[in-house]
PDB file of all heavy atoms in Angstrom:
ATOM      1  N   SER A   1       6.381   6.997  20.295  1.00  0.00           N
ATOM      2  CA  SER A   1       5.833   8.139  19.574  1.00  0.00           C
ATOM      3  C   SER A   1       6.150   9.450  20.292  1.00  0.00           C
ATOM      4  O   SER A   1       6.423  10.470  19.655  1.00  0.00           O
ATOM      5  CB  SER A   1       4.318   7.989  19.410  1.00  0.00           C
ATOM      6  OG  SER A   1       4.004   6.836  18.657  1.00  0.00           O
ATOM      7  N   ALA A   2       6.120   9.413  21.631  1.00  0.00           N
ATOM      8  CA  ALA A   2       6.436  10.624  22.378  1.00  0.00           C
ATOM      9  C   ALA A   2       7.913  10.989  22.299  1.00  0.00           C
ATOM     10  O   ALA A   2       8.273  12.170  22.292  1.00  0.00           O
ATOM     11  CB  ALA A   2       6.020  10.455  23.846  1.00  0.00           C
ATOM     12  N   LEU A   3       8.789   9.985  22.216  1.00  0.00           N
ATOM     13  CA  LEU A   3      10.223  10.260  22.210  1.00  0.00           C
ATOM     14  C   LEU A   3      10.780  10.502  20.811  1.00  0.00           C
ATOM     15  O   LEU A   3      11.605  11.413  20.611  1.00  0.00           O
ATOM     16  CB  LEU A   3      10.980   9.091  22.867  1.00  0.00           C
ATOM     17  CG  LEU A   3      10.732   8.865  24.364  1.00  0.00           C
ATOM     18  CD1 LEU A   3      11.492   7.653  24.844  1.00  0.00           C
ATOM     19  CD2 LEU A   3      11.128  10.093  25.163  1.00  0.00           C
ATOM     20  N   PHE A   4      10.369   9.707  19.845  1.00  0.00           N
ATOM     21  CA  PHE A   4      10.991   9.744  18.526  1.00  0.00           C
ATOM     22  C   PHE A   4      10.016  10.037  17.394  1.00  0.00           C
ATOM     23  O   PHE A   4      10.401   9.984  16.226  1.00  0.00           O
ATOM     24  CB  PHE A   4      11.680   8.402  18.227  1.00  0.00           C
ATOM     25  CG  PHE A   4      12.644   7.977  19.299  1.00  0.00           C
ATOM     26  CD1 PHE A   4      12.313   6.943  20.169  1.00  0.00           C
ATOM     27  CD2 PHE A   4      13.861   8.601  19.448  1.00  0.00           C
ATOM     28  CE1 PHE A   4      13.181   6.543  21.164  1.00  0.00           C
ATOM     29  CE2 PHE A   4      14.743   8.209  20.441  1.00  0.00           C
ATOM     30  CZ  PHE A   4      14.408   7.179  21.298  1.00  0.00           C
ATOM     31  N   GLY A   5       8.748  10.303  17.708  1.00  0.00           N
ATOM     32  CA  GLY A   5       7.772  10.583  16.658  1.00  0.00           C
ATOM     33  C   GLY A   5       8.010  11.937  16.015  1.00  0.00           C
ATOM     34  O   GLY A   5       8.716  12.800  16.568  1.00  0.00           O
ATOM     35  N   PRO A   6       7.429  12.192  14.835  1.00  0.00           N
ATOM     36  CA  PRO A   6       7.574  13.499  14.166  1.00  0.00           C
ATOM     37  C   PRO A   6       6.907  14.592  14.969  1.00  0.00           C
ATOM     38  O   PRO A   6       5.848  14.408  15.563  1.00  0.00           O
ATOM     39  CB  PRO A   6       6.899  13.280  12.802  1.00  0.00           C
ATOM     40  CG  PRO A   6       5.955  12.145  13.028  1.00  0.00           C
ATOM     41  CD  PRO A   6       6.590  11.263  14.059  1.00  0.00           C
ATOM     42  N   ARG A   7       7.529  15.759  14.997  1.00  0.00           N
ATOM     43  CA  ARG A   7       7.009  16.908  15.728  1.00  0.00           C
ATOM     44  C   ARG A   7       6.212  17.813  14.791  1.00  0.00           C
ATOM     45  O   ARG A   7       6.496  17.906  13.604  1.00  0.00           O
ATOM     46  CB  ARG A   7       8.160  17.714  16.351  1.00  0.00           C
ATOM     47  CG  ARG A   7       8.985  16.928  17.351  1.00  0.00           C
ATOM     48  CD  ARG A   7       8.168  16.602  18.594  1.00  0.00           C
ATOM     49  NE  ARG A   7       8.976  15.991  19.632  1.00  0.00           N
ATOM     50  CZ  ARG A   7       9.151  14.698  19.797  1.00  0.00           C
ATOM     51  NH1 ARG A   7       8.572  13.858  18.946  1.00  0.00           N
ATOM     52  NH2 ARG A   7       9.878  14.224  20.778  1.00  0.00           N
ATOM     53  N   ASP A   8       5.213  18.484  15.361  1.00  0.00           N
ATOM     54  CA  ASP A   8       4.439  19.449  14.588  1.00  0.00           C
ATOM     55  C   ASP A   8       5.280  20.682  14.314  1.00  0.00           C
ATOM     56  O   ASP A   8       6.065  21.122  15.167  1.00  0.00           O
ATOM     57  CB  ASP A   8       3.187  19.856  15.358  1.00  0.00           C
ATOM     58  CG  ASP A   8       2.219  18.694  15.527  1.00  0.00           C
ATOM     59  OD1 ASP A   8       2.268  17.784  14.673  1.00  0.00           O
ATOM     60  OD2 ASP A   8       1.444  18.702  16.493  1.00  0.00           O
ATOM     61  N   PRO A   9       5.170  21.278  13.135  1.00  0.00           N
ATOM     62  CA  PRO A   9       5.962  22.474  12.833  1.00  0.00           C
ATOM     63  C   PRO A   9       5.541  23.651  13.699  1.00  0.00           C
ATOM     64  O   PRO A   9       4.386  23.772  14.108  1.00  0.00           O
ATOM     65  CB  PRO A   9       5.660  22.721  11.345  1.00  0.00           C
ATOM     66  CG  PRO A   9       4.339  22.065  11.105  1.00  0.00           C
ATOM     67  CD  PRO A   9       4.302  20.874  12.016  1.00  0.00           C
ATOM     68  N   GLU A  10       6.511  24.531  13.981  1.00  0.00           N
ATOM     69  CA  GLU A  10       6.230  25.722  14.772  1.00  0.00           C
ATOM     70  C   GLU A  10       5.342  26.675  13.976  1.00  0.00           C
ATOM     71  O   GLU A  10       5.546  26.878  12.782  1.00  0.00           O
ATOM     72  CB  GLU A  10       7.537  26.430  15.141  1.00  0.00           C
ATOM     73  CG  GLU A  10       8.418  25.641  16.098  1.00  0.00           C
ATOM     74  CD  GLU A  10       7.790  25.515  17.470  1.00  0.00           C
ATOM     75  OE1 GLU A  10       6.959  26.383  17.806  1.00  0.00           O
ATOM     76  OE2 GLU A  10       8.127  24.567  18.193  1.00  0.00           O
ATOM     77  N   PRO A  11       4.328  27.285  14.613  1.00  0.00           N
ATOM     78  CA  PRO A  11       3.462  28.215  13.882  1.00  0.00           C
ATOM     79  C   PRO A  11       4.229  29.464  13.457  1.00  0.00           C
ATOM     80  O   PRO A  11       5.073  29.978  14.204  1.00  0.00           O
ATOM     81  CB  PRO A  11       2.363  28.545  14.900  1.00  0.00           C
ATOM     82  CG  PRO A  11       2.983  28.259  16.235  1.00  0.00           C
ATOM     83  CD  PRO A  11       3.945  27.128  16.017  1.00  0.00           C
ATOM     84  N   GLU A  12       3.934  29.961  12.265  1.00  0.00           N
ATOM     85  CA  GLU A  12       4.586  31.153  11.760  1.00  0.00           C
ATOM     86  C   GLU A  12       3.992  32.400  12.401  1.00  0.00           C
ATOM     87  O   GLU A  12       2.813  32.451  12.752  1.00  0.00           O
ATOM     88  CB  GLU A  12       4.437  31.228  10.241  1.00  0.00           C
ATOM     89  CG  GLU A  12       5.108  30.067   9.509  1.00  0.00           C
ATOM     90  CD  GLU A  12       4.979  30.212   8.007  1.00  0.00           C
ATOM     91  OE1 GLU A  12       4.331  31.201   7.581  1.00  0.00           O
ATOM     92  OE2 GLU A  12       5.518  29.360   7.284  1.00  0.00           O
ATOM     93  N   VAL A  13       4.835  33.434  12.553  1.00  0.00           N
ATOM     94  CA  VAL A  13       4.381  34.701  13.115  1.00  0.00           C
ATOM     95  C   VAL A  13       3.545  35.417  12.064  1.00  0.00           C
ATOM     96  O   VAL A  13       3.951  35.527  10.902  1.00  0.00           O
ATOM     97  CB  VAL A  13       5.584  35.563  13.527  1.00  0.00           C
ATOM     98  CG1 VAL A  13       5.130  36.897  14.105  1.00  0.00           C
ATOM     99  CG2 VAL A  13       6.430  34.801  14.540  1.00  0.00           C
ATOM    100  N   PRO A  14       2.344  35.907  12.403  1.00  0.00           N
ATOM    101  CA  PRO A  14       1.525  36.633  11.426  1.00  0.00           C
ATOM    102  C   PRO A  14       2.265  37.850  10.883  1.00  0.00           C
ATOM    103  O   PRO A  14       3.086  38.468  11.571  1.00  0.00           O
ATOM    104  CB  PRO A  14       0.285  37.035  12.233  1.00  0.00           C
ATOM    105  CG  PRO A  14       0.247  36.084  13.383  1.00  0.00           C
ATOM    106  CD  PRO A  14       1.658  35.754  13.699  1.00  0.00           C
ATOM    107  N   TYR A  15       1.958  38.182   9.647  1.00  0.00           N
ATOM    108  CA  TYR A  15       2.707  39.248   8.980  1.00  0.00           C
ATOM    109  C   TYR A  15       2.479  40.595   9.629  1.00  0.00           C
ATOM    110  O   TYR A  15       3.348  41.460   9.585  1.00  0.00           O
ATOM    111  CB  TYR A  15       2.331  39.297   7.491  1.00  0.00           C
ATOM    112  CG  TYR A  15       0.933  39.800   7.217  1.00  0.00           C
ATOM    113  CD1 TYR A  15       0.667  41.148   7.011  1.00  0.00           C
ATOM    114  CD2 TYR A  15      -0.140  38.906   7.169  1.00  0.00           C
ATOM    115  CE1 TYR A  15      -0.611  41.590   6.768  1.00  0.00           C
ATOM    116  CE2 TYR A  15      -1.420  39.345   6.942  1.00  0.00           C
ATOM    117  CZ  TYR A  15      -1.656  40.695   6.728  1.00  0.00           C
ATOM    118  OH  TYR A  15      -2.921  41.132   6.486  1.00  0.00           O
ATOM    119  N   TRP A  16       1.311  40.803  10.285  1.00  0.00           N
ATOM    120  CA  TRP A  16       1.069  42.107  10.893  1.00  0.00           C
ATOM    121  C   TRP A  16       1.793  42.263  12.240  1.00  0.00           C
ATOM    122  O   TRP A  16       1.769  43.333  12.823  1.00  0.00           O
ATOM    123  CB  TRP A  16      -0.421  42.341  11.087  1.00  0.00           C
ATOM    124  CG  TRP A  16      -1.080  41.368  12.019  1.00  0.00           C
ATOM    125  CD1 TRP A  16      -1.162  41.434  13.366  1.00  0.00           C
ATOM    126  CD2 TRP A  16      -1.754  40.165  11.636  1.00  0.00           C
ATOM    127  NE1 TRP A  16      -1.833  40.370  13.868  1.00  0.00           N
ATOM    128  CE2 TRP A  16      -2.221  39.562  12.821  1.00  0.00           C
ATOM    129  CE3 TRP A  16      -2.012  39.547  10.414  1.00  0.00           C
ATOM    130  CZ2 TRP A  16      -2.916  38.369  12.811  1.00  0.00           C
ATOM    131  CZ3 TRP A  16      -2.716  38.362  10.401  1.00  0.00           C
ATOM    132  CH2 TRP A  16      -3.150  37.778  11.586  1.00  0.00           C
ATOM    133  N   LEU A  17       2.429  41.146  12.738  1.00  0.00           N
ATOM    134  CA  LEU A  17       3.210  41.231  13.965  1.00  0.00           C
ATOM    135  C   LEU A  17       4.697  41.093  13.730  1.00  0.00           C
ATOM    136  O   LEU A  17       5.478  41.177  14.682  1.00  0.00           O
ATOM    137  CB  LEU A  17       2.764  40.124  14.944  1.00  0.00           C
ATOM    138  CG  LEU A  17       1.327  40.222  15.474  1.00  0.00           C
ATOM    139  CD1 LEU A  17       1.038  39.051  16.391  1.00  0.00           C
ATOM    140  CD2 LEU A  17       1.136  41.526  16.224  1.00  0.00           C
ATOM    141  N   GLN A  18       5.105  40.864  12.497  1.00  0.00           N
ATOM    142  CA  GLN A  18       6.517  40.651  12.225  1.00  0.00           C
ATOM    143  C   GLN A  18       7.336  41.899  12.480  1.00  0.00           C
ATOM    144  O   GLN A  18       8.496  41.828  12.861  1.00  0.00           O
ATOM    145  CB  GLN A  18       6.714  40.175  10.785  1.00  0.00           C
ATOM    146  CG  GLN A  18       6.193  38.774  10.552  1.00  0.00           C
ATOM    147  CD  GLN A  18       6.378  38.325   9.119  1.00  0.00           C
ATOM    148  OE1 GLN A  18       6.888  39.081   8.292  1.00  0.00           O
ATOM    149  NE2 GLN A  18       5.977  37.116   8.826  1.00  0.00           N
ATOM    150  N   GLY A  19       6.772  43.110  12.302  1.00  0.00           N
ATOM    151  CA  GLY A  19       7.523  44.336  12.513  1.00  0.00           C
ATOM    152  C   GLY A  19       7.663  44.723  13.956  1.00  0.00           C
ATOM    153  O   GLY A  19       8.483  45.585  14.293  1.00  0.00           O
ATOM    154  N   GLN A  20       6.900  44.090  14.854  1.00  0.00           N
ATOM    155  CA  GLN A  20       6.938  44.455  16.255  1.00  0.00           C
ATOM    156  C   GLN A  20       7.894  43.599  17.058  1.00  0.00           C
ATOM    157  O   GLN A  20       8.128  43.883  18.222  1.00  0.00           O
ATOM    158  CB  GLN A  20       5.543  44.331  16.883  1.00  0.00           C
ATOM    159  CG  GLN A  20       4.515  45.248  16.238  1.00  0.00           C
ATOM    160  CD  GLN A  20       3.166  45.110  16.901  1.00  0.00           C
ATOM    161  OE1 GLN A  20       3.034  44.356  17.849  1.00  0.00           O
ATOM    162  NE2 GLN A  20       2.198  45.842  16.417  1.00  0.00           N
ATOM    163  N   GLN A  21       8.426  42.544  16.506  1.00  0.00           N
ATOM    164  CA  GLN A  21       9.296  41.644  17.223  1.00  0.00           C
ATOM    165  C   GLN A  21      10.609  41.499  16.474  1.00  0.00           C
ATOM    166  O   GLN A  21      10.686  41.743  15.268  1.00  0.00           O
ATOM    167  CB  GLN A  21       8.656  40.267  17.404  1.00  0.00           C
ATOM    168  CG  GLN A  21       7.385  40.324  18.242  1.00  0.00           C
ATOM    169  CD  GLN A  21       6.778  38.956  18.403  1.00  0.00           C
ATOM    170  OE1 GLN A  21       7.148  38.036  17.699  1.00  0.00           O
ATOM    171  NE2 GLN A  21       5.850  38.855  19.331  1.00  0.00           N
ATOM    172  N   GLY A  22      11.613  41.097  17.245  1.00  0.00           N
ATOM    173  CA  GLY A  22      12.921  40.900  16.662  1.00  0.00           C
ATOM    174  C   GLY A  22      12.970  39.633  15.846  1.00  0.00           C
ATOM    175  O   GLY A  22      11.980  38.939  15.652  1.00  0.00           O
ATOM    176  N   PRO A  23      14.149  39.268  15.357  1.00  0.00           N
ATOM    177  CA  PRO A  23      14.266  38.069  14.517  1.00  0.00           C
ATOM    178  C   PRO A  23      13.974  36.785  15.265  1.00  0.00           C
ATOM    179  O   PRO A  23      13.609  35.796  14.672  1.00  0.00           O
ATOM    180  CB  PRO A  23      15.740  38.118  14.049  1.00  0.00           C
ATOM    181  CG  PRO A  23      16.443  38.973  15.066  1.00  0.00           C
ATOM    182  CD  PRO A  23      15.420  39.972  15.515  1.00  0.00           C
ATOM    183  N   GLN A  24      14.091  36.783  16.596  1.00  0.00           N
ATOM    184  CA  GLN A  24      13.843  35.569  17.362  1.00  0.00           C
ATOM    185  C   GLN A  24      12.592  35.683  18.211  1.00  0.00           C
ATOM    186  O   GLN A  24      12.431  35.000  19.205  1.00  0.00           O
ATOM    187  CB  GLN A  24      15.038  35.257  18.253  1.00  0.00           C
ATOM    188  CG  GLN A  24      16.299  34.959  17.460  1.00  0.00           C
ATOM    189  CD  GLN A  24      17.467  34.632  18.364  1.00  0.00           C
ATOM    190  OE1 GLN A  24      17.341  34.699  19.583  1.00  0.00           O
ATOM    191  NE2 GLN A  24      18.580  34.282  17.782  1.00  0.00           N
ATOM    192  N   GLY A  25      11.660  36.582  17.852  1.00  0.00           N
ATOM    193  CA  GLY A  25      10.412  36.719  18.587  1.00  0.00           C
ATOM    194  C   GLY A  25      10.556  37.489  19.881  1.00  0.00           C
ATOM    195  O   GLY A  25       9.685  37.450  20.725  1.00  0.00           O
ATOM    196  N   GLN A  26      11.678  38.244  20.092  1.00  0.00           N
ATOM    197  CA  GLN A  26      11.878  39.023  21.288  1.00  0.00           C
ATOM    198  C   GLN A  26      11.876  40.489  20.936  1.00  0.00           C
ATOM    199  O   GLN A  26      12.258  40.888  19.843  1.00  0.00           O
ATOM    200  CB  GLN A  26      13.189  38.643  21.972  1.00  0.00           C
ATOM    201  CG  GLN A  26      13.256  37.172  22.386  1.00  0.00           C
ATOM    202  CD  GLN A  26      14.591  36.848  23.007  1.00  0.00           C
ATOM    203  OE1 GLN A  26      15.481  37.687  23.013  1.00  0.00           O
ATOM    204  NE2 GLN A  26      14.705  35.637  23.509  1.00  0.00           N
ATOM    205  N   GLN A  27      11.499  41.332  21.904  1.00  0.00           N
ATOM    206  CA  GLN A  27      11.485  42.751  21.671  1.00  0.00           C
ATOM    207  C   GLN A  27      12.904  43.282  21.591  1.00  0.00           C
ATOM    208  O   GLN A  27      13.817  42.800  22.268  1.00  0.00           O
ATOM    209  CB  GLN A  27      10.727  43.455  22.802  1.00  0.00           C
ATOM    210  CG  GLN A  27       9.243  43.091  22.865  1.00  0.00           C
ATOM    211  CD  GLN A  27       8.522  43.847  23.959  1.00  0.00           C
ATOM    212  OE1 GLN A  27       9.163  44.555  24.719  1.00  0.00           O
ATOM    213  NE2 GLN A  27       7.222  43.686  24.004  1.00  0.00           N
ATOM    214  N   GLU A  28      13.067  44.282  20.720  1.00  0.00           N
ATOM    215  CA  GLU A  28      14.388  44.863  20.543  1.00  0.00           C
ATOM    216  C   GLU A  28      14.781  45.623  21.792  1.00  0.00           C
ATOM    217  O   GLU A  28      13.972  46.311  22.415  1.00  0.00           O
ATOM    218  CB  GLU A  28      14.377  45.790  19.326  1.00  0.00           C
ATOM    219  CG  GLU A  28      14.056  45.067  18.022  1.00  0.00           C
ATOM    220  CD  GLU A  28      14.085  46.022  16.847  1.00  0.00           C
ATOM    221  OE1 GLU A  28      14.314  47.221  17.093  1.00  0.00           O
ATOM    222  OE2 GLU A  28      13.895  45.561  15.723  1.00  0.00           O
ATOM    223  N   GLN A  29      16.048  45.513  22.175  1.00  0.00           N
ATOM    224  CA  GLN A  29      16.547  46.187  23.353  1.00  0.00           C
ATOM    225  C   GLN A  29      16.920  47.626  23.033  1.00  0.00           C
ATOM    226  O   GLN A  29      17.337  47.948  21.921  1.00  0.00           O
ATOM    227  CB  GLN A  29      17.770  45.445  23.911  1.00  0.00           C
ATOM    228  CG  GLN A  29      17.457  44.011  24.331  1.00  0.00           C
ATOM    229  CD  GLN A  29      18.691  43.313  24.837  1.00  0.00           C
ATOM    230  OE1 GLN A  29      19.781  43.880  24.798  1.00  0.00           O
ATOM    231  NE2 GLN A  29      18.499  42.102  25.324  1.00  0.00           N
ATOM    232  N   GLN A  30      16.794  48.484  24.044  1.00  0.00           N
ATOM    233  CA  GLN A  30      17.159  49.873  23.889  1.00  0.00           C
ATOM    234  C   GLN A  30      18.681  50.002  23.873  1.00  0.00           C
ATOM    235  O   GLN A  30      19.388  49.269  24.563  1.00  0.00           O
ATOM    236  CB  GLN A  30      16.573  50.700  25.053  1.00  0.00           C
ATOM    237  CG  GLN A  30      15.056  50.691  25.090  1.00  0.00           C
ATOM    238  CD  GLN A  30      14.457  51.412  23.899  1.00  0.00           C
ATOM    239  OE1 GLN A  30      15.109  52.267  23.314  1.00  0.00           O
ATOM    240  NE2 GLN A  30      13.241  51.058  23.538  1.00  0.00           N
ATOM    241  N   PRO A  31      19.236  50.974  23.087  1.00  0.00           N
ATOM    242  CA  PRO A  31      20.698  51.141  23.055  1.00  0.00           C
ATOM    243  C   PRO A  31      21.215  51.645  24.399  1.00  0.00           C
ATOM    244  O   PRO A  31      20.537  52.358  25.128  1.00  0.00           O
ATOM    245  CB  PRO A  31      20.892  52.178  21.939  1.00  0.00           C
ATOM    246  CG  PRO A  31      19.597  52.890  21.839  1.00  0.00           C
ATOM    247  CD  PRO A  31      18.544  51.896  22.184  1.00  0.00           C
ATOM    248  N   GLU A  32      22.436  51.231  24.732  1.00  0.00           N
ATOM    249  CA  GLU A  32      23.059  51.617  25.994  1.00  0.00           C
ATOM    250  C   GLU A  32      23.520  53.067  25.944  1.00  0.00           C
ATOM    251  O   GLU A  32      24.016  53.549  24.930  1.00  0.00           O
ATOM    252  CB  GLU A  32      24.275  50.711  26.261  1.00  0.00           C
ATOM    253  CG  GLU A  32      23.958  49.668  27.307  1.00  0.00           C
ATOM    254  CD  GLU A  32      25.197  48.891  27.672  1.00  0.00           C
ATOM    255  OE1 GLU A  32      26.119  49.473  28.257  1.00  0.00           O
ATOM    256  OE2 GLU A  32      25.217  47.722  27.330  1.00  0.00           O
TER     257      GLU A  32
END
């Protein structure tokens, strides 16, 4: 079960935090 069992789905990002993070949950980097 630990090796091949079904995994729990990843929790979704709340809608009020979606604008503060990038597409992969990381903060946007400043331009060079």
